[in-house]
Amino acid sequence: TDAFEILKNRLTNAPIMNTPNFEQPFILELDACEYGVGAVLTQEYEEKKYVIAYASRTLSTAERNYGATEREALAIVWATKHFRPYLEGNKIYVRSDCKALEWMRTAKDVT
C-alpha cells in the first residue's frame, strides 16, 4: 500500500539512514523477544542520531527455549558478529533494555 511504501522509504533513506563516520563511536541498540533478535547500528554526533544499518533474525527452535537474559546476550553476540566490519577497531557502546546484563557495563573483560 502507499502508506507502507512511504514509511519504508522514510526509514531507509537520508536523513534517517547515513553512511558510517569511522571517527565516531558506534552504538548497537538491541532487543530480543520470544521469536527473534533485532539490532540497529547507530552513531550520535553533532547533536543528532544517525542510523547506519538495521538487522534482525528469527530464533532457532533451540534458541526459543532461552530465557530473556540469554536471548538478550545472544542478541549482543549476534549483532557484534553481524556488524563486525563496522565495529572492528572502533569504540562501541551497547544499549539494551535488559537489566540483568548491566554488569557488562563495568566489567574489565567480558570474554
N, C-alpha and C. Protein backbone atom coordinates (compact mmCIF):
# COMPACT_ATOMS: atom_id res chain seq x y z
N THR A 1 0.83 -1.19 0.00
CA THR A 1 0.00 0.00 0.00
C THR A 1 0.87 1.25 0.00
N ASP A 2 0.27 2.38 -0.28
CA ASP A 2 1.02 3.63 -0.34
C ASP A 2 1.64 4.00 1.00
N ALA A 3 0.89 3.85 2.09
CA ALA A 3 1.40 4.21 3.41
C ALA A 3 2.62 3.37 3.77
N PHE A 4 2.58 2.08 3.47
CA PHE A 4 3.72 1.22 3.76
C PHE A 4 4.94 1.64 2.95
N GLU A 5 4.77 1.93 1.69
CA GLU A 5 5.89 2.35 0.84
C GLU A 5 6.48 3.67 1.31
N ILE A 6 5.65 4.59 1.74
CA ILE A 6 6.13 5.88 2.26
C ILE A 6 6.95 5.65 3.52
N LEU A 7 6.44 4.82 4.44
CA LEU A 7 7.17 4.52 5.68
C LEU A 7 8.49 3.84 5.38
N LYS A 8 8.48 2.85 4.50
CA LYS A 8 9.70 2.13 4.14
C LYS A 8 10.72 3.10 3.55
N ASN A 9 10.29 3.98 2.68
CA ASN A 9 11.18 4.95 2.06
C ASN A 9 11.78 5.89 3.10
N ARG A 10 10.98 6.34 4.04
CA ARG A 10 11.48 7.28 5.06
C ARG A 10 12.43 6.61 6.04
N LEU A 11 12.25 5.33 6.30
CA LEU A 11 13.14 4.63 7.24
C LEU A 11 14.46 4.20 6.62
N THR A 12 14.54 4.18 5.31
CA THR A 12 15.74 3.66 4.66
C THR A 12 16.50 4.70 3.84
N ASN A 13 16.14 5.94 3.94
CA ASN A 13 16.83 6.99 3.20
C ASN A 13 17.21 8.14 4.13
N ALA A 14 18.16 8.96 3.68
CA ALA A 14 18.58 10.12 4.46
C ALA A 14 17.37 11.01 4.70
N PRO A 15 17.24 11.67 5.82
CA PRO A 15 18.24 11.80 6.87
C PRO A 15 18.22 10.68 7.90
N ILE A 16 17.33 9.68 7.79
CA ILE A 16 17.30 8.58 8.75
C ILE A 16 18.54 7.71 8.60
N MET A 17 18.79 7.19 7.41
CA MET A 17 19.95 6.34 7.16
C MET A 17 21.14 7.22 6.78
N ASN A 18 22.32 6.79 7.19
CA ASN A 18 23.52 7.57 6.93
C ASN A 18 24.69 6.62 6.70
N THR A 19 25.73 7.11 6.07
CA THR A 19 26.95 6.33 5.93
C THR A 19 27.74 6.43 7.23
N PRO A 20 28.53 5.42 7.57
CA PRO A 20 29.26 5.46 8.84
C PRO A 20 30.36 6.50 8.85
N ASN A 21 30.56 7.10 10.01
CA ASN A 21 31.67 8.02 10.25
C ASN A 21 32.63 7.28 11.17
N PHE A 22 33.73 6.80 10.63
CA PHE A 22 34.65 5.96 11.41
C PHE A 22 35.47 6.76 12.42
N GLU A 23 35.26 8.06 12.47
CA GLU A 23 35.89 8.90 13.50
C GLU A 23 35.02 8.95 14.76
N GLN A 24 33.80 8.44 14.68
CA GLN A 24 32.86 8.48 15.79
C GLN A 24 32.58 7.07 16.31
N PRO A 25 32.26 6.94 17.61
CA PRO A 25 31.91 5.61 18.13
C PRO A 25 30.59 5.11 17.56
N PHE A 26 30.44 3.80 17.55
CA PHE A 26 29.21 3.16 17.10
C PHE A 26 28.37 2.76 18.30
N ILE A 27 27.06 2.74 18.11
CA ILE A 27 26.13 2.32 19.16
C ILE A 27 25.29 1.17 18.61
N LEU A 28 25.32 0.05 19.32
CA LEU A 28 24.46 -1.09 18.98
C LEU A 28 23.25 -1.04 19.89
N GLU A 29 22.08 -0.86 19.31
CA GLU A 29 20.83 -0.86 20.07
C GLU A 29 20.13 -2.19 19.79
N LEU A 30 19.88 -2.94 20.86
CA LEU A 30 19.44 -4.33 20.71
C LEU A 30 18.14 -4.61 21.43
N ASP A 31 17.45 -5.61 20.92
CA ASP A 31 16.28 -6.12 21.63
C ASP A 31 16.06 -7.57 21.20
N ALA A 32 15.43 -8.31 22.07
CA ALA A 32 15.12 -9.72 21.79
C ALA A 32 13.73 -10.01 22.31
N CYS A 33 13.07 -10.94 21.65
CA CYS A 33 11.76 -11.38 22.11
C CYS A 33 11.70 -12.90 21.98
N GLU A 34 10.54 -13.48 22.16
CA GLU A 34 10.39 -14.93 22.09
C GLU A 34 10.81 -15.52 20.76
N TYR A 35 10.67 -14.76 19.69
CA TYR A 35 10.85 -15.32 18.35
C TYR A 35 11.99 -14.74 17.54
N GLY A 36 12.66 -13.69 18.04
CA GLY A 36 13.72 -13.10 17.24
C GLY A 36 14.57 -12.11 18.00
N VAL A 37 15.63 -11.67 17.33
CA VAL A 37 16.51 -10.63 17.85
C VAL A 37 16.64 -9.56 16.78
N GLY A 38 16.84 -8.34 17.24
CA GLY A 38 16.99 -7.24 16.31
C GLY A 38 18.05 -6.27 16.80
N ALA A 39 18.64 -5.55 15.86
CA ALA A 39 19.68 -4.59 16.21
C ALA A 39 19.62 -3.41 15.25
N VAL A 40 19.96 -2.25 15.78
CA VAL A 40 20.11 -1.06 14.96
C VAL A 40 21.49 -0.51 15.26
N LEU A 41 22.29 -0.33 14.22
CA LEU A 41 23.62 0.26 14.37
C LEU A 41 23.47 1.75 14.14
N THR A 42 23.83 2.54 15.15
CA THR A 42 23.67 3.99 15.06
C THR A 42 24.96 4.70 15.46
N GLN A 43 24.96 5.99 15.22
CA GLN A 43 26.00 6.88 15.71
C GLN A 43 25.33 8.17 16.16
N GLU A 44 25.90 8.81 17.17
CA GLU A 44 25.38 10.08 17.65
C GLU A 44 26.52 11.09 17.69
N TYR A 45 26.38 12.15 16.93
CA TYR A 45 27.32 13.27 16.95
C TYR A 45 26.64 14.47 16.34
N GLU A 46 27.23 15.64 16.57
CA GLU A 46 26.63 16.90 16.11
C GLU A 46 25.19 17.02 16.60
N GLU A 47 24.94 16.52 17.81
CA GLU A 47 23.62 16.56 18.45
C GLU A 47 22.53 15.87 17.62
N LYS A 48 22.92 14.88 16.81
CA LYS A 48 21.96 14.12 16.00
C LYS A 48 22.25 12.64 16.13
N LYS A 49 21.22 11.85 15.88
CA LYS A 49 21.37 10.40 15.85
C LYS A 49 21.27 9.94 14.41
N TYR A 50 22.23 9.12 13.98
CA TYR A 50 22.27 8.63 12.61
C TYR A 50 22.15 7.11 12.61
N VAL A 51 21.21 6.58 11.85
CA VAL A 51 21.08 5.14 11.68
C VAL A 51 22.00 4.71 10.55
N ILE A 52 22.84 3.72 10.84
CA ILE A 52 23.75 3.18 9.84
C ILE A 52 23.13 1.94 9.18
N ALA A 53 22.57 1.05 10.00
CA ALA A 53 22.00 -0.19 9.45
C ALA A 53 21.03 -0.82 10.44
N TYR A 54 20.11 -1.60 9.89
CA TYR A 54 19.17 -2.40 10.67
C TYR A 54 19.47 -3.88 10.41
N ALA A 55 19.22 -4.72 11.41
CA ALA A 55 19.36 -6.17 11.20
C ALA A 55 18.44 -6.90 12.17
N SER A 56 17.96 -8.05 11.72
CA SER A 56 17.15 -8.90 12.60
C SER A 56 17.20 -10.33 12.08
N ARG A 57 16.85 -11.23 12.96
CA ARG A 57 16.73 -12.63 12.56
C ARG A 57 15.80 -13.34 13.51
N THR A 58 15.24 -14.44 13.04
CA THR A 58 14.39 -15.26 13.90
C THR A 58 15.26 -16.20 14.72
N LEU A 59 14.75 -16.61 15.84
CA LEU A 59 15.47 -17.56 16.69
C LEU A 59 15.22 -18.98 16.21
N SER A 60 16.23 -19.81 16.40
CA SER A 60 16.06 -21.24 16.09
C SER A 60 15.14 -21.86 17.14
N THR A 61 14.71 -23.06 16.88
CA THR A 61 13.84 -23.76 17.83
C THR A 61 14.51 -23.87 19.19
N ALA A 62 15.79 -24.21 19.21
CA ALA A 62 16.53 -24.33 20.48
C ALA A 62 16.66 -22.97 21.16
N GLU A 63 16.94 -21.91 20.39
CA GLU A 63 17.10 -20.58 20.97
C GLU A 63 15.80 -20.05 21.56
N ARG A 64 14.67 -20.52 21.08
CA ARG A 64 13.38 -20.09 21.62
C ARG A 64 13.18 -20.59 23.05
N ASN A 65 13.97 -21.58 23.46
CA ASN A 65 13.91 -22.08 24.83
C ASN A 65 14.75 -21.24 25.79
N TYR A 66 15.56 -20.32 25.28
CA TYR A 66 16.39 -19.47 26.13
C TYR A 66 15.49 -18.55 26.97
N GLY A 67 16.00 -18.20 28.13
CA GLY A 67 15.33 -17.20 28.95
C GLY A 67 15.57 -15.81 28.37
N ALA A 68 14.91 -14.82 28.93
CA ALA A 68 15.01 -13.45 28.42
C ALA A 68 16.45 -12.93 28.45
N THR A 69 17.17 -13.19 29.54
CA THR A 69 18.55 -12.71 29.65
C THR A 69 19.44 -13.37 28.61
N GLU A 70 19.27 -14.67 28.41
CA GLU A 70 20.08 -15.38 27.42
C GLU A 70 19.78 -14.88 26.00
N ARG A 71 18.52 -14.58 25.73
CA ARG A 71 18.17 -14.04 24.40
C ARG A 71 18.79 -12.67 24.18
N GLU A 72 18.81 -11.84 25.21
CA GLU A 72 19.44 -10.51 25.09
C GLU A 72 20.95 -10.66 24.89
N ALA A 73 21.58 -11.59 25.62
CA ALA A 73 23.01 -11.84 25.43
C ALA A 73 23.28 -12.36 24.03
N LEU A 74 22.42 -13.25 23.55
CA LEU A 74 22.54 -13.75 22.18
C LEU A 74 22.45 -12.60 21.19
N ALA A 75 21.55 -11.66 21.42
CA ALA A 75 21.42 -10.50 20.52
C ALA A 75 22.72 -9.71 20.46
N ILE A 76 23.38 -9.54 21.59
CA ILE A 76 24.65 -8.80 21.62
C ILE A 76 25.71 -9.53 20.81
N VAL A 77 25.86 -10.83 21.06
CA VAL A 77 26.87 -11.61 20.33
C VAL A 77 26.57 -11.63 18.84
N TRP A 78 25.32 -11.91 18.49
CA TRP A 78 24.94 -11.99 17.08
C TRP A 78 25.15 -10.65 16.37
N ALA A 79 24.70 -9.55 16.99
CA ALA A 79 24.82 -8.23 16.35
C ALA A 79 26.27 -7.81 16.22
N THR A 80 27.09 -8.13 17.21
CA THR A 80 28.51 -7.80 17.13
C THR A 80 29.16 -8.53 15.97
N LYS A 81 28.84 -9.80 15.79
CA LYS A 81 29.37 -10.55 14.65
C LYS A 81 28.81 -10.01 13.33
N HIS A 82 27.52 -9.73 13.30
CA HIS A 82 26.86 -9.25 12.08
C HIS A 82 27.46 -7.92 11.59
N PHE A 83 27.71 -7.02 12.53
CA PHE A 83 28.22 -5.69 12.18
C PHE A 83 29.74 -5.58 12.34
N ARG A 84 30.42 -6.70 12.42
CA ARG A 84 31.87 -6.71 12.64
C ARG A 84 32.65 -5.79 11.70
N PRO A 85 32.35 -5.76 10.40
CA PRO A 85 33.13 -4.87 9.52
C PRO A 85 33.07 -3.39 9.95
N TYR A 86 31.99 -2.98 10.55
CA TYR A 86 31.88 -1.61 11.05
C TYR A 86 32.57 -1.44 12.40
N LEU A 87 32.45 -2.44 13.25
CA LEU A 87 32.82 -2.31 14.65
C LEU A 87 34.28 -2.60 14.95
N GLU A 88 34.89 -3.48 14.19
CA GLU A 88 36.25 -3.91 14.50
C GLU A 88 37.21 -2.73 14.51
N GLY A 89 37.90 -2.57 15.63
CA GLY A 89 38.87 -1.49 15.78
C GLY A 89 38.26 -0.15 16.16
N ASN A 90 36.96 -0.11 16.37
CA ASN A 90 36.28 1.14 16.73
C ASN A 90 35.65 1.03 18.11
N LYS A 91 35.41 2.17 18.72
CA LYS A 91 34.74 2.21 20.01
C LYS A 91 33.27 1.87 19.81
N ILE A 92 32.73 1.05 20.73
CA ILE A 92 31.35 0.56 20.62
C ILE A 92 30.63 0.78 21.95
N TYR A 93 29.40 1.23 21.87
CA TYR A 93 28.51 1.27 23.02
C TYR A 93 27.35 0.33 22.73
N VAL A 94 26.88 -0.37 23.76
CA VAL A 94 25.76 -1.29 23.60
C VAL A 94 24.60 -0.78 24.43
N ARG A 95 23.44 -0.69 23.80
CA ARG A 95 22.22 -0.29 24.50
C ARG A 95 21.23 -1.45 24.46
N SER A 96 20.84 -1.87 25.66
CA SER A 96 19.87 -2.97 25.79
C SER A 96 18.95 -2.64 26.95
N ASP A 97 17.73 -3.10 26.88
CA ASP A 97 16.80 -2.87 27.98
C ASP A 97 16.87 -3.97 29.03
N CYS A 98 17.85 -4.85 28.93
CA CYS A 98 17.99 -5.98 29.84
C CYS A 98 18.83 -5.59 31.06
N LYS A 99 18.19 -5.41 32.19
CA LYS A 99 18.89 -5.01 33.41
C LYS A 99 19.83 -6.11 33.92
N ALA A 100 19.55 -7.36 33.62
CA ALA A 100 20.40 -8.46 34.08
C ALA A 100 21.78 -8.41 33.43
N LEU A 101 21.92 -7.74 32.30
CA LEU A 101 23.22 -7.64 31.62
C LEU A 101 23.96 -6.36 31.99
N GLU A 102 23.46 -5.63 32.95
CA GLU A 102 24.07 -4.36 33.37
C GLU A 102 25.52 -4.53 33.83
N TRP A 103 25.86 -5.70 34.36
CA TRP A 103 27.22 -5.95 34.85
C TRP A 103 28.26 -5.78 33.74
N MET A 104 27.87 -5.98 32.50
CA MET A 104 28.83 -5.87 31.39
C MET A 104 29.37 -4.45 31.26
N ARG A 105 28.59 -3.48 31.70
CA ARG A 105 28.99 -2.09 31.56
C ARG A 105 30.25 -1.78 32.36
N THR A 106 30.42 -2.41 33.50
CA THR A 106 31.56 -2.12 34.36
C THR A 106 32.62 -3.21 34.35
N ALA A 107 32.38 -4.30 33.65
CA ALA A 107 33.35 -5.40 33.60
C ALA A 107 34.59 -4.98 32.82
N LYS A 108 35.75 -5.38 33.32
CA LYS A 108 37.00 -5.06 32.63
C LYS A 108 37.20 -5.92 31.39
N ASP A 109 36.82 -7.20 31.48
CA ASP A 109 36.99 -8.12 30.36
C ASP A 109 35.79 -9.05 30.33
N VAL A 110 34.98 -8.94 29.28
CA VAL A 110 33.76 -9.75 29.21
C VAL A 110 33.93 -10.99 28.35
N THR A 111 35.15 -11.31 27.96
CA THR A 111 35.38 -12.51 27.14
C THR A 111 35.46 -13.74 27.99
